[in-house]
Amino acid sequence: MEPARGVWWSLGHFILFLPYFIGLLILGFIKGIILAPIICVIMAVGNSTIAIGLWPAHVVWSYFCILSAKRLGPVMKVVVCILFTPVLAIWPFSIVVGSILGGLAYGFLGPIFGTFKAVGEGKTDQFRHCIIDGTWDTVQWSFTFVRDLADVCLYSFFSMMDDLRKQGMPEGKIEIRIVYLPVAILLGLLGVVVDFPMISVIAAVKSPYMLFKGWHRLFQDCVGREGPFLETICVPFAGLAILLWPLAVAGAVLGSMVSGIFLGLYAAVIVYQESSFYLGLCYVVAAVSIYDEYSNDVLDMPEGSCFPKPRYRRNPGLSASSSFSRGGSLKHAPSRSGSLRVPMIELKPLELLDSFFQECRRQGEFLVLEGLITAQEIADVISVKDSVRVITIGLPAYCLYLALLRSGKANSSGIILSDNATEITSANRPKDAFYDWFLNPLLVMKDQIKAQNLTESEEDYLGKLVLLSGDGQKLKNSNIGPPPESELRRAELDALARRLQGITKSISRYPTYRRRFENIMKAISEELDRRSIGSNRGPQTVPRSKSTFGRIFSTQRSFKNKTSNHGVRQEDERDVEIV
């Protein structure tokens, strides 16, 4: 859809579009009203059964892991147990209420989204799609949400608690200095008493400006068919945003009031960390200025604050305000209008995840050929749900290692995916929190691997170490090549492998990860069955041009031959022996 070419043309085009839009909106409303109760029942019953059924196990295992944690001191264990108690208490209730409200919202909005997607560009038979889109797929996704919650409760939760129980601290246990607790609690309460009313008043004073600024921008986009009104699917929600913008402003004010409580309580942390009552008082005063500067950034108001901002850290580099003030990371953040003038292709999260899991599939098939993993291990992950670390952690970590190695050889500032055309950088990465958590550590690891100046044999050794280090017996029995002669070099490569496996283990706890990874394992297993690869059959030679595995073999051995400009190695054509 083309951008606006003039005010009158835009206005006329919008008037002509209005009946069409209203018809689609009514159809979406009808489907939403019908499906909302169904989706609500599916999600409420499914999620509530999982949360309530596993709640006793979560409670027992949580306290057991906390009390037996190697990294926590005795007093710290008591404090963590006390703080964890209300979380465990409200967990089933929050799941039940959230599932009911989320089911109603998704059951109502999902069909509306599907109805407007049905008339997008490139769609054929739009009338039929307007009727059926957003119905059955919404029901399917509701079951998917239940499955993802089950993975979180059955896998992610127990995995995180196991890490807390087993991991130790090389520099000693985490313990609380009891002598500073009374002072910290006192300053925390004082911070709430001072900062909560001050921040509430500031938010209330700035709310009219936020109201009219938002309305001005939305109406401007509505007339000019820009911003959220540019895409057909976004029009109903952008129009709804105009009507509900006062509620959004009221929600922002309430959110600011709640943030005032936490900003005030953070004074207790400052007192404890700095071991100073005076610095805690300084933070109570500075917190108002921190919020004022941050709200000015959000509303695009003049920078700075009229409130005093005393120094509350002995080390200025630890100042929490650096991330909120204009002197921090927000200073160079592009404005909305600037980003429209200088278009940037932002990668879509699902496309990146699809690329990663497809790479896991290709590498899994290739590693079966090399004998580093077996079909039985893949079958165990699928059928028995056994946690085979070589598959569940080692294989994804190995794929990440290849991407980091490829990116380092290409001197990329980001991470180059397996298609050698897509590069993830800090500028074009998706804005999801998932990428905030994991992209920067991977970029650091890429630089560390690049700084090692690995030889070809070390690249091969490190890759197999990343793949197999989760299974000591398999690592011992597998031929992973000669290790480096230097003990220091071996220790450095072992540390890199452990860190990459640790990052991968954290990624594997992401709610949708386990479901998608198991689907990839099923695809590999089906391909293995189709190719009749198993222990009961002898070797067979398949020409590379006709073999899926052969194509994988020819493109994925990225560390045995000469690299191209993007770090991808080329290999001569030859037949592949399938064992």
Protein backbone atom coordinates (compact mmCIF):
# COMPACT_ATOMS: atom_id res chain seq x y z
CA MET A 1 0.00 0.00 0.00
CA GLU A 2 1.52 3.29 -1.07
CA PRO A 3 2.11 6.11 1.40
CA ALA A 4 -0.01 9.26 1.26
CA ARG A 5 0.42 11.55 -1.75
CA GLY A 6 -1.66 14.47 -0.47
CA VAL A 7 -4.12 15.43 2.23
CA TRP A 8 -7.25 15.38 0.03
CA TRP A 9 -6.22 12.19 -1.76
CA SER A 10 -5.56 10.55 1.60
CA LEU A 11 -8.85 11.72 3.04
CA GLY A 12 -10.81 10.48 0.01
CA HIS A 13 -9.02 7.18 0.03
CA PHE A 14 -9.75 6.78 3.73
CA ILE A 15 -13.48 7.53 3.25
CA LEU A 16 -13.71 4.95 0.47
CA PHE A 17 -11.90 2.42 2.62
CA LEU A 18 -14.14 3.02 5.64
CA PRO A 19 -17.14 0.82 4.60
CA TYR A 20 -14.79 -1.99 3.60
CA PHE A 21 -13.02 -1.72 6.93
CA ILE A 22 -16.27 -1.64 8.91
CA GLY A 23 -17.52 -4.78 7.14
CA LEU A 24 -14.33 -6.68 7.97
CA LEU A 25 -14.42 -5.42 11.53
CA ILE A 26 -18.02 -6.59 12.02
CA LEU A 27 -17.19 -10.01 10.57
CA GLY A 28 -14.17 -10.26 12.86
CA PHE A 29 -16.28 -9.23 15.84
CA ILE A 30 -18.82 -11.96 15.09
CA LYS A 31 -16.15 -14.64 14.85
CA GLY A 32 -14.48 -13.30 17.98
CA ILE A 33 -17.69 -13.39 20.00
CA ILE A 34 -18.29 -17.00 18.96
CA LEU A 35 -14.73 -18.23 19.58
CA ALA A 36 -13.83 -16.25 22.71
CA PRO A 37 -15.69 -18.55 25.17
CA ILE A 38 -14.26 -21.67 23.48
CA ILE A 39 -10.69 -20.41 23.61
CA CYS A 40 -11.19 -19.22 27.18
CA VAL A 41 -12.34 -22.69 28.29
CA ILE A 42 -9.44 -24.44 26.51
CA MET A 43 -6.76 -22.19 27.96
CA ALA A 44 -8.30 -21.84 31.42
CA VAL A 45 -8.85 -25.59 31.90
CA GLY A 46 -5.54 -26.63 30.35
CA ASN A 47 -3.31 -24.06 32.05
CA SER A 48 -5.08 -24.31 35.40
CA THR A 49 -4.78 -28.10 35.43
CA ILE A 50 -1.04 -27.88 34.74
CA ALA A 51 -0.36 -25.11 37.26
CA ILE A 52 -2.46 -26.54 40.09
CA GLY A 53 -1.44 -30.14 39.44
CA LEU A 54 2.29 -29.35 39.53
CA TRP A 55 2.08 -26.74 42.29
CA PRO A 56 2.89 -29.16 45.17
CA ALA A 57 5.94 -30.45 43.28
CA HIS A 58 7.04 -26.88 42.55
CA VAL A 59 6.74 -25.91 46.22
CA VAL A 60 8.65 -28.93 47.55
CA TRP A 61 11.38 -28.78 44.91
CA SER A 62 11.80 -25.00 45.24
CA TYR A 63 12.46 -25.10 48.96
CA PHE A 64 14.67 -28.17 48.62
CA CYS A 65 16.83 -26.50 45.95
CA ILE A 66 17.05 -23.22 47.85
CA LEU A 67 18.01 -24.87 51.13
CA SER A 68 20.59 -27.11 49.44
CA ALA A 69 22.00 -24.44 47.12
CA LYS A 70 25.79 -24.37 47.22
CA ARG A 71 26.05 -20.71 46.26
CA LEU A 72 23.83 -19.34 49.07
CA GLY A 73 24.83 -18.80 52.68
CA PRO A 74 22.56 -19.78 55.61
CA VAL A 75 21.01 -16.35 56.14
CA MET A 76 20.60 -15.84 52.40
CA LYS A 77 18.75 -19.14 52.14
CA VAL A 78 16.26 -18.03 54.80
CA VAL A 79 15.73 -14.67 53.09
CA VAL A 80 15.24 -16.29 49.65
CA CYS A 81 12.74 -18.76 51.10
CA ILE A 82 10.79 -15.90 52.65
CA LEU A 83 10.80 -13.90 49.41
CA PHE A 84 9.90 -16.95 47.34
CA THR A 85 6.90 -17.86 49.48
CA PRO A 86 4.48 -15.21 48.13
CA VAL A 87 5.55 -16.01 44.56
CA LEU A 88 4.67 -19.67 45.06
CA ALA A 89 1.45 -18.73 46.83
CA ILE A 90 0.07 -16.54 44.04
CA TRP A 91 1.41 -18.67 41.16
CA PRO A 92 -1.69 -20.93 40.68
CA PHE A 93 -4.06 -18.01 41.20
CA SER A 94 -2.23 -15.84 38.66
CA ILE A 95 -2.23 -18.66 36.10
CA VAL A 96 -5.98 -19.22 36.50
CA VAL A 97 -6.87 -15.53 36.26
CA GLY A 98 -4.36 -14.88 33.50
CA SER A 99 -5.62 -17.85 31.47
CA ILE A 100 -9.22 -16.69 31.73
CA LEU A 101 -8.44 -13.10 30.76
CA GLY A 102 -5.85 -14.11 28.17
CA GLY A 103 -8.18 -16.71 26.67
CA LEU A 104 -10.98 -14.19 26.30
CA ALA A 105 -8.65 -11.58 24.81
CA TYR A 106 -6.95 -13.97 22.40
CA GLY A 107 -10.22 -15.70 21.46
CA PHE A 108 -11.73 -12.34 20.60
CA LEU A 109 -8.76 -10.61 18.95
CA GLY A 110 -7.35 -13.66 17.12
CA PRO A 111 -10.28 -13.96 14.67
CA ILE A 112 -10.19 -10.20 14.04
CA PHE A 113 -6.50 -10.38 13.18
CA GLY A 114 -7.15 -13.39 10.94
CA THR A 115 -9.99 -11.61 9.13
CA PHE A 116 -7.83 -8.63 8.22
CA LYS A 117 -4.87 -10.83 7.29
CA ALA A 118 -7.14 -12.63 4.81
CA VAL A 119 -7.36 -9.52 2.62
CA GLY A 120 -3.63 -8.84 2.59
CA GLU A 121 -1.58 -8.53 -0.55
CA GLY A 122 -1.02 -11.75 -2.50
CA LYS A 123 -4.06 -13.52 -1.03
CA THR A 124 -6.33 -15.48 -3.38
CA ASP A 125 -9.98 -16.36 -2.76
CA GLN A 126 -10.18 -13.61 -0.18
CA PHE A 127 -13.89 -14.06 0.54
CA ARG A 128 -13.43 -17.67 1.68
CA HIS A 129 -10.37 -16.75 3.72
CA CYS A 130 -12.28 -13.91 5.39
CA ILE A 131 -14.76 -16.49 6.67
CA ILE A 132 -12.41 -19.27 7.78
CA ASP A 133 -9.18 -17.46 8.71
CA GLY A 134 -8.77 -16.81 12.40
CA THR A 135 -11.06 -19.67 13.45
CA TRP A 136 -9.43 -23.11 13.49
CA ASP A 137 -5.90 -21.68 13.61
CA THR A 138 -6.88 -19.70 16.72
CA VAL A 139 -8.10 -22.91 18.36
CA GLN A 140 -4.85 -24.66 17.42
CA TRP A 141 -2.74 -21.86 18.87
CA SER A 142 -4.70 -22.02 22.13
CA PHE A 143 -3.60 -25.65 22.52
CA THR A 144 -0.07 -24.54 21.64
CA PHE A 145 -0.12 -22.01 24.49
CA VAL A 146 -1.13 -24.78 26.88
CA ARG A 147 1.69 -26.98 25.57
CA ASP A 148 4.24 -24.17 26.03
CA LEU A 149 3.13 -23.59 29.61
CA ALA A 150 3.50 -27.31 30.25
CA ASP A 151 7.07 -27.15 28.94
CA VAL A 152 7.82 -24.21 31.23
CA CYS A 153 6.39 -25.97 34.28
CA LEU A 154 7.87 -29.40 33.54
CA TYR A 155 11.24 -28.45 32.06
CA SER A 156 12.27 -24.81 32.43
CA PHE A 157 11.33 -24.46 36.11
CA PHE A 158 13.06 -27.64 37.28
CA SER A 159 16.08 -26.88 35.09
CA MET A 160 16.57 -23.43 36.66
CA MET A 161 16.11 -24.76 40.19
CA ASP A 162 18.61 -27.57 39.51
CA ASP A 163 21.16 -24.99 38.40
CA LEU A 164 20.58 -23.03 41.61
CA ARG A 165 21.09 -26.19 43.66
CA LYS A 166 24.21 -27.47 41.89
CA GLN A 167 26.16 -24.40 40.87
CA GLY A 168 28.72 -23.03 43.27
CA MET A 169 30.50 -19.71 43.46
CA PRO A 170 34.25 -19.80 42.82
CA GLU A 171 34.80 -16.78 45.04
CA GLY A 172 32.61 -17.98 47.89
CA LYS A 173 28.98 -18.13 48.91
CA ILE A 174 26.47 -15.31 48.60
CA GLU A 175 25.66 -14.15 52.08
CA ILE A 176 23.83 -11.24 53.66
CA ARG A 177 25.53 -8.84 56.04
CA ILE A 178 22.96 -8.82 58.80
CA VAL A 179 24.27 -5.62 60.39
CA TYR A 180 23.10 -3.53 57.40
CA LEU A 181 19.63 -5.09 57.09
CA PRO A 182 17.79 -2.82 59.60
CA VAL A 183 19.26 0.33 58.03
CA ALA A 184 18.48 -0.92 54.52
CA ILE A 185 14.87 -1.73 55.43
CA LEU A 186 14.45 1.69 57.07
CA LEU A 187 15.78 3.53 53.99
CA GLY A 188 13.63 1.38 51.71
CA LEU A 189 10.48 2.40 53.61
CA LEU A 190 11.60 6.03 53.65
CA GLY A 191 12.17 5.86 49.89
CA VAL A 192 8.62 4.63 49.33
CA VAL A 193 7.20 7.39 51.58
CA VAL A 194 9.10 10.11 49.69
CA ASP A 195 9.31 8.84 46.10
CA PHE A 196 5.84 7.35 45.68
CA PRO A 197 3.87 10.61 46.15
CA MET A 198 6.45 12.72 44.27
CA ILE A 199 6.51 10.43 41.23
CA SER A 200 2.70 10.14 41.29
CA VAL A 201 2.39 13.95 41.17
CA ILE A 202 4.91 14.22 38.30
CA ALA A 203 3.06 11.53 36.32
CA ALA A 204 -0.30 13.22 36.88
CA VAL A 205 1.06 16.63 35.80
CA LYS A 206 2.54 15.20 32.58
CA SER A 207 -0.49 13.05 31.71
CA PRO A 208 -2.41 15.80 29.80
CA TYR A 209 0.66 16.37 27.62
CA MET A 210 0.87 12.63 26.91
CA LEU A 211 -2.87 12.52 26.12
CA PHE A 212 -2.89 15.31 23.54
CA LYS A 213 0.50 14.38 22.05
CA GLY A 214 -0.68 10.82 21.46
CA TRP A 215 -4.00 11.93 19.96
CA HIS A 216 -2.19 14.39 17.68
CA ARG A 217 0.13 11.68 16.36
CA LEU A 218 -2.63 9.09 15.89
CA PHE A 219 -4.95 11.49 14.04
CA GLN A 220 -2.07 12.63 11.86
CA ASP A 221 -1.32 9.02 10.90
CA CYS A 222 -5.02 8.31 10.37
CA VAL A 223 -5.43 11.12 7.83
CA GLY A 224 -2.13 10.43 6.09
CA ARG A 225 -2.42 6.60 6.18
CA GLU A 226 0.99 6.35 7.81
CA GLY A 227 2.42 4.57 10.80
CA PRO A 228 0.00 1.97 12.18
CA PHE A 229 -2.61 2.92 9.55
CA LEU A 230 -0.32 1.95 6.68
CA GLU A 231 -1.05 -1.80 6.93
CA THR A 232 -4.61 -3.05 6.57
CA ILE A 233 -4.35 -5.50 9.45
CA CYS A 234 -3.30 -2.74 11.86
CA VAL A 235 -6.07 -0.29 10.95
CA PRO A 236 -8.76 -1.58 13.36
CA PHE A 237 -6.38 -1.60 16.30
CA ALA A 238 -4.90 1.76 15.44
CA GLY A 239 -8.43 3.17 15.25
CA LEU A 240 -9.25 1.52 18.54
CA ALA A 241 -6.11 3.10 19.99
CA ILE A 242 -7.56 6.56 19.26
CA LEU A 243 -10.69 5.75 21.25
CA LEU A 244 -8.87 4.00 24.08
CA TRP A 245 -5.87 6.33 24.29
CA PRO A 246 -7.17 7.95 27.52
CA LEU A 247 -7.14 4.50 29.10
CA ALA A 248 -3.56 4.02 27.94
CA VAL A 249 -2.62 7.33 29.55
CA ALA A 250 -4.38 6.32 32.76
CA GLY A 251 -2.51 3.01 32.68
CA ALA A 252 0.79 4.85 32.21
CA VAL A 253 0.02 7.01 35.25
CA LEU A 254 -0.82 3.94 37.34
CA GLY A 255 2.34 2.23 36.10
CA SER A 256 4.37 5.28 37.12
CA MET A 257 2.82 5.21 40.56
CA VAL A 258 3.74 1.54 40.95
CA SER A 259 7.25 2.24 39.70
CA GLY A 260 7.53 4.87 42.43
CA ILE A 261 7.19 2.10 45.00
CA PHE A 262 10.00 0.05 43.50
CA LEU A 263 12.23 3.06 42.92
CA GLY A 264 11.81 3.95 46.55
CA LEU A 265 12.50 0.41 47.73
CA TYR A 266 15.71 0.38 45.69
CA ALA A 267 17.16 2.73 48.31
CA ALA A 268 17.55 -0.36 50.51
CA VAL A 269 19.74 -1.94 47.82
CA ILE A 270 21.88 1.20 47.60
CA VAL A 271 22.40 1.26 51.35
CA TYR A 272 23.36 -2.40 51.42
CA GLN A 273 25.69 -2.23 48.41
CA GLU A 274 27.41 1.00 49.40
CA SER A 275 27.29 0.36 53.18
CA SER A 276 26.29 3.99 53.67
CA PHE A 277 23.17 5.55 55.20
CA TYR A 278 24.05 8.92 53.62
CA LEU A 279 24.26 7.52 50.08
CA GLY A 280 20.89 5.88 50.60
CA LEU A 281 19.40 9.28 51.45
CA CYS A 282 21.04 10.71 48.33
CA TYR A 283 19.38 8.04 46.22
CA VAL A 284 15.94 8.79 47.71
CA VAL A 285 16.34 12.38 46.46
CA ALA A 286 17.90 11.38 43.12
CA ALA A 287 15.18 8.82 42.30
CA VAL A 288 12.71 11.63 41.60
CA SER A 289 15.13 13.20 39.15
CA ILE A 290 15.80 9.80 37.51
CA TYR A 291 12.09 9.31 36.87
CA ASP A 292 11.66 12.88 35.64
CA GLU A 293 14.50 12.50 33.11
CA TYR A 294 13.18 9.15 31.93
CA SER A 295 9.63 10.46 31.44
CA ASN A 296 11.02 13.42 29.49
CA ASP A 297 12.76 10.95 27.18
CA VAL A 298 9.59 8.94 26.66
CA LEU A 299 7.45 12.02 25.94
CA ASP A 300 10.17 13.70 23.83
CA MET A 301 10.20 16.70 26.18
CA PRO A 302 13.26 18.90 26.87
CA GLU A 303 16.00 16.88 28.49
CA GLY A 304 17.13 17.26 32.05
CA SER A 305 15.22 17.70 35.27
CA CYS A 306 14.46 20.53 37.66
CA PHE A 307 14.91 18.20 40.63
CA PRO A 308 18.29 17.75 42.35
CA LYS A 309 20.27 14.65 41.59
CA PRO A 310 22.96 14.07 44.20
CA ARG A 311 25.59 11.40 43.65
CA TYR A 312 24.60 8.18 45.40
CA ARG A 313 27.36 5.81 44.23
CA ARG A 314 31.01 5.83 45.22
CA ASN A 315 31.72 4.45 41.75
CA PRO A 316 29.80 6.57 39.20
CA GLY A 317 29.95 3.72 36.67
CA LEU A 318 27.45 1.77 38.77
CA SER A 319 24.87 4.55 38.73
CA ALA A 320 21.48 3.19 37.89
CA SER A 321 20.53 6.50 36.34
CA SER A 322 22.95 6.02 33.49
CA SER A 323 20.45 3.74 31.77
CA PHE A 324 17.62 6.22 32.17
CA SER A 325 19.18 9.59 31.55
CA ARG A 326 19.86 11.14 28.20
CA GLY A 327 23.50 10.73 28.90
CA GLY A 328 22.97 6.97 28.71
CA SER A 329 21.84 4.62 26.01
CA LEU A 330 18.66 6.53 25.26
CA LYS A 331 20.53 9.58 24.13
CA HIS A 332 21.26 8.18 20.71
CA ALA A 333 18.03 6.26 20.29
CA PRO A 334 16.42 7.19 16.96
CA SER A 335 13.16 9.05 17.12
CA ARG A 336 10.04 7.73 15.46
CA SER A 337 10.15 10.23 12.64
CA GLY A 338 13.85 9.68 12.11
CA SER A 339 13.39 5.97 11.72
CA LEU A 340 10.82 6.58 9.01
CA ARG A 341 13.16 8.86 7.08
CA VAL A 342 15.99 6.33 7.28
CA PRO A 343 14.35 2.93 6.75
CA MET A 344 16.00 -0.05 8.39
CA ILE A 345 15.13 -3.68 7.82
CA GLU A 346 14.31 -5.14 11.21
CA LEU A 347 14.54 -8.90 11.34
CA LYS A 348 11.44 -10.78 12.41
CA PRO A 349 11.79 -12.95 15.53
CA LEU A 350 9.98 -16.00 14.13
CA GLU A 351 12.05 -15.97 10.94
CA LEU A 352 15.26 -15.99 12.97
CA LEU A 353 14.03 -18.82 15.18
CA ASP A 354 12.94 -20.78 12.11
CA SER A 355 16.39 -20.29 10.60
CA PHE A 356 18.06 -21.49 13.81
CA PHE A 357 15.91 -24.62 14.10
CA GLN A 358 16.35 -25.47 10.43
CA GLU A 359 20.10 -25.21 10.97
CA CYS A 360 19.71 -27.63 13.90
CA ARG A 361 17.94 -30.02 11.55
CA ARG A 362 20.65 -29.80 8.88
CA GLN A 363 23.46 -30.22 11.36
CA GLY A 364 21.63 -33.07 13.11
CA GLU A 365 21.36 -34.99 9.85
CA PHE A 366 25.00 -34.28 9.07
CA LEU A 367 26.22 -35.38 12.51
CA VAL A 368 24.32 -38.65 12.18
CA LEU A 369 26.38 -39.29 9.06
CA GLU A 370 29.58 -38.63 10.97
CA GLY A 371 28.50 -40.94 13.78
CA LEU A 372 28.79 -38.28 16.50
CA ILE A 373 25.11 -38.66 17.35
CA THR A 374 22.86 -41.65 16.80
CA ALA A 375 19.31 -42.21 15.67
CA GLN A 376 18.55 -43.82 19.04
CA GLU A 377 19.50 -40.62 20.89
CA ILE A 378 17.12 -38.66 18.69
CA ALA A 379 14.38 -41.22 19.29
CA ASP A 380 14.93 -40.96 23.06
CA VAL A 381 14.35 -37.20 22.94
CA ILE A 382 11.10 -37.71 21.01
CA SER A 383 9.49 -40.78 22.56
CA VAL A 384 10.90 -41.21 26.05
CA LYS A 385 11.34 -37.45 26.58
CA ASP A 386 14.74 -38.34 27.96
CA SER A 387 17.09 -35.41 28.43
CA VAL A 388 19.92 -36.47 26.12
CA ARG A 389 22.27 -33.53 26.61
CA VAL A 390 24.18 -34.24 23.41
CA ILE A 391 20.93 -33.64 21.50
CA THR A 392 19.01 -31.14 23.62
CA ILE A 393 21.97 -28.91 24.51
CA GLY A 394 24.97 -30.05 22.50
CA LEU A 395 23.38 -29.90 19.04
CA PRO A 396 21.98 -26.34 19.36
CA ALA A 397 25.23 -25.21 20.99
CA TYR A 398 27.16 -26.71 18.08
CA CYS A 399 24.97 -24.77 15.59
CA LEU A 400 25.61 -21.55 17.51
CA TYR A 401 29.33 -22.30 17.52
CA LEU A 402 29.36 -22.66 13.73
CA ALA A 403 27.53 -19.34 13.39
CA LEU A 404 29.97 -17.57 15.73
CA LEU A 405 32.96 -19.10 13.95
CA ARG A 406 31.57 -18.11 10.57
CA SER A 407 30.87 -14.55 11.74
CA GLY A 408 34.31 -14.15 13.29
CA LYS A 409 36.06 -15.26 10.09
CA ALA A 410 33.98 -12.77 8.10
CA ASN A 411 34.89 -9.93 10.52
CA SER A 412 31.18 -9.34 11.01
CA SER A 413 29.97 -6.92 13.66
CA GLY A 414 27.03 -9.24 14.30
CA ILE A 415 26.17 -12.89 13.70
CA ILE A 416 25.82 -14.29 10.18
CA LEU A 417 23.18 -16.98 9.80
CA SER A 418 23.62 -20.17 7.82
CA ASP A 419 22.21 -18.63 4.63
CA ASN A 420 25.29 -16.34 4.54
CA ALA A 421 23.02 -13.44 3.60
CA THR A 422 21.33 -12.56 6.89
CA GLU A 423 23.31 -10.81 9.60
CA ILE A 424 21.97 -10.11 13.10
CA THR A 425 23.39 -6.93 14.60
CA SER A 426 22.51 -4.72 17.53
CA ALA A 427 20.78 -2.35 15.09
CA ASN A 428 18.48 -4.71 13.20
CA ARG A 429 17.83 -7.34 15.87
CA PRO A 430 14.21 -7.87 16.93
CA LYS A 431 13.18 -5.84 19.94
CA ASP A 432 11.99 -8.89 21.87
CA ALA A 433 13.46 -9.39 25.33
CA PHE A 434 14.67 -12.82 24.19
CA TYR A 435 17.21 -11.18 21.89
CA ASP A 436 18.21 -8.64 24.56
CA TRP A 437 19.09 -11.47 26.92
CA PHE A 438 21.09 -13.66 24.56
CA LEU A 439 22.47 -11.61 21.66
CA ASN A 440 25.07 -9.64 23.61
CA PRO A 441 26.57 -12.73 25.33
CA LEU A 442 26.82 -14.44 21.95
CA LEU A 443 28.54 -11.40 20.45
CA VAL A 444 31.03 -11.45 23.31
CA MET A 445 31.66 -15.16 22.73
CA LYS A 446 32.15 -14.51 19.01
CA ASP A 447 34.90 -12.00 19.83
CA GLN A 448 36.48 -14.43 22.29
CA ILE A 449 36.53 -17.24 19.73
CA LYS A 450 37.95 -14.88 17.11
CA ALA A 451 40.66 -13.70 19.52
CA GLN A 452 41.82 -17.30 20.04
CA ASN A 453 43.08 -17.49 16.40
CA LEU A 454 42.16 -21.14 16.23
CA THR A 455 43.87 -23.50 13.84
CA GLU A 456 41.77 -25.88 11.73
CA SER A 457 42.41 -28.76 14.10
CA GLU A 458 41.47 -26.59 17.09
CA GLU A 459 38.29 -25.47 15.36
CA ASP A 460 37.33 -29.09 14.78
CA TYR A 461 38.28 -30.05 18.34
CA LEU A 462 36.33 -27.16 19.89
CA GLY A 463 33.27 -27.89 17.76
CA LYS A 464 33.14 -31.51 18.89
CA LEU A 465 33.86 -30.43 22.46
CA VAL A 466 30.85 -28.08 22.34
CA LEU A 467 28.72 -30.91 20.99
CA LEU A 468 29.77 -33.69 23.36
CA SER A 469 30.95 -32.05 26.58
CA GLY A 470 27.54 -32.55 28.19
CA ASP A 471 28.10 -36.33 28.12
CA GLY A 472 31.44 -37.24 29.66
CA GLN A 473 31.25 -40.92 28.70
CA LYS A 474 30.42 -40.17 25.07
CA LEU A 475 33.13 -37.52 24.93
CA LYS A 476 35.65 -40.03 26.25
CA ASN A 477 34.65 -42.76 23.79
CA SER A 478 34.38 -40.50 20.72
CA ASN A 479 37.25 -39.62 18.46
CA ILE A 480 37.25 -35.84 18.64
CA GLY A 481 40.76 -35.38 17.37
CA PRO A 482 44.00 -34.53 19.13
CA PRO A 483 43.66 -31.89 21.86
CA PRO A 484 46.03 -28.91 21.96
CA GLU A 485 49.40 -29.70 23.48
CA SER A 486 49.30 -26.74 25.85
CA GLU A 487 47.31 -27.29 29.04
CA LEU A 488 46.43 -23.58 29.08
CA ARG A 489 45.05 -23.85 25.54
CA ARG A 490 42.96 -26.88 26.46
CA ALA A 491 41.59 -25.05 29.49
CA GLU A 492 40.66 -22.04 27.36
CA LEU A 493 38.81 -24.22 24.83
CA ASP A 494 37.06 -26.12 27.63
CA ALA A 495 35.91 -22.82 29.15
CA LEU A 496 34.56 -21.63 25.78
CA ALA A 497 32.67 -24.90 25.32
CA ARG A 498 31.15 -24.71 28.82
CA ARG A 499 30.09 -21.10 28.36
CA LEU A 500 28.44 -21.79 25.01
CA GLN A 501 26.63 -24.79 26.45
CA GLY A 502 25.51 -22.63 29.38
CA ILE A 503 24.08 -19.97 27.07
CA THR A 504 22.34 -22.67 25.02
CA LYS A 505 20.85 -24.20 28.16
CA SER A 506 19.41 -20.80 29.08
CA ILE A 507 17.97 -20.42 25.58
CA SER A 508 16.39 -23.88 25.84
CA ARG A 509 14.24 -22.65 28.73
CA TYR A 510 12.44 -20.18 26.47
CA PRO A 511 8.73 -21.19 26.40
CA THR A 512 8.42 -22.07 22.69
CA TYR A 513 11.87 -23.64 22.38
CA ARG A 514 11.16 -27.19 23.51
CA ARG A 515 8.09 -27.62 21.30
CA ARG A 516 9.87 -26.38 18.19
CA PHE A 517 13.02 -28.38 18.93
CA GLU A 518 11.05 -31.61 19.32
CA ASN A 519 9.38 -30.94 15.97
CA ILE A 520 12.83 -30.68 14.41
CA MET A 521 13.88 -33.94 16.04
CA LYS A 522 10.78 -35.64 14.64
CA ALA A 523 11.65 -34.33 11.18
CA ILE A 524 15.19 -35.73 11.49
CA SER A 525 13.85 -39.09 12.68
CA GLU A 526 11.40 -39.27 9.78
CA GLU A 527 14.19 -38.45 7.34
CA LEU A 528 16.37 -41.15 8.88
CA ASP A 529 13.56 -43.68 8.53
CA ARG A 530 12.94 -42.61 4.97
CA ARG A 531 16.59 -43.04 4.07
CA SER A 532 16.64 -46.40 5.87
CA ILE A 533 19.63 -45.45 7.98
CA GLY A 534 19.95 -47.79 10.93
CA SER A 535 22.07 -50.38 12.57
CA ASN A 536 20.31 -53.24 10.75
CA ARG A 537 21.39 -52.10 7.28
CA GLY A 538 24.77 -52.00 5.68
CA PRO A 539 26.48 -48.97 4.14
CA GLN A 540 25.16 -47.57 0.91
CA THR A 541 26.63 -44.99 -1.36
CA VAL A 542 24.35 -42.19 -2.46
CA PRO A 543 25.39 -39.60 -5.04
CA ARG A 544 25.59 -36.17 -3.51
CA SER A 545 23.36 -34.59 -6.11
CA LYS A 546 20.54 -36.98 -5.12
CA SER A 547 21.06 -37.07 -1.37
CA THR A 548 19.68 -34.62 1.12
CA PHE A 549 22.42 -35.59 3.53
CA GLY A 550 24.97 -35.18 0.75
CA ARG A 551 23.92 -31.60 0.18
CA ILE A 552 24.17 -30.99 3.90
CA PHE A 553 27.57 -32.62 4.01
CA SER A 554 28.86 -30.44 1.19
CA THR A 555 27.68 -27.16 2.67
CA GLN A 556 28.14 -27.59 6.41
CA ARG A 557 31.79 -28.66 6.87
CA SER A 558 32.72 -25.12 7.63
CA PHE A 559 36.05 -25.80 9.23
CA LYS A 560 37.92 -28.23 6.98
CA ASN A 561 38.50 -26.34 3.75
CA LYS A 562 39.25 -22.89 2.48
CA THR A 563 36.78 -20.17 3.53
CA SER A 564 34.93 -17.83 1.21
CA ASN A 565 34.39 -14.10 1.89
CA HIS A 566 31.64 -14.86 4.40
CA GLY A 567 33.53 -17.62 6.17
CA VAL A 568 31.77 -20.49 4.39
CA ARG A 569 34.01 -23.32 3.23
CA GLN A 570 33.69 -24.98 -0.14
CA GLU A 571 34.28 -28.69 -0.73
CA ASP A 572 34.89 -30.76 -3.83
CA GLU A 573 32.06 -32.95 -5.10
CA ARG A 574 32.24 -36.56 -4.06
CA ASP A 575 29.94 -39.34 -2.98
CA VAL A 576 28.90 -39.73 0.63
CA GLU A 577 29.10 -43.00 2.50
CA ILE A 578 25.95 -43.36 4.60
CA VAL A 579 26.56 -45.58 7.56
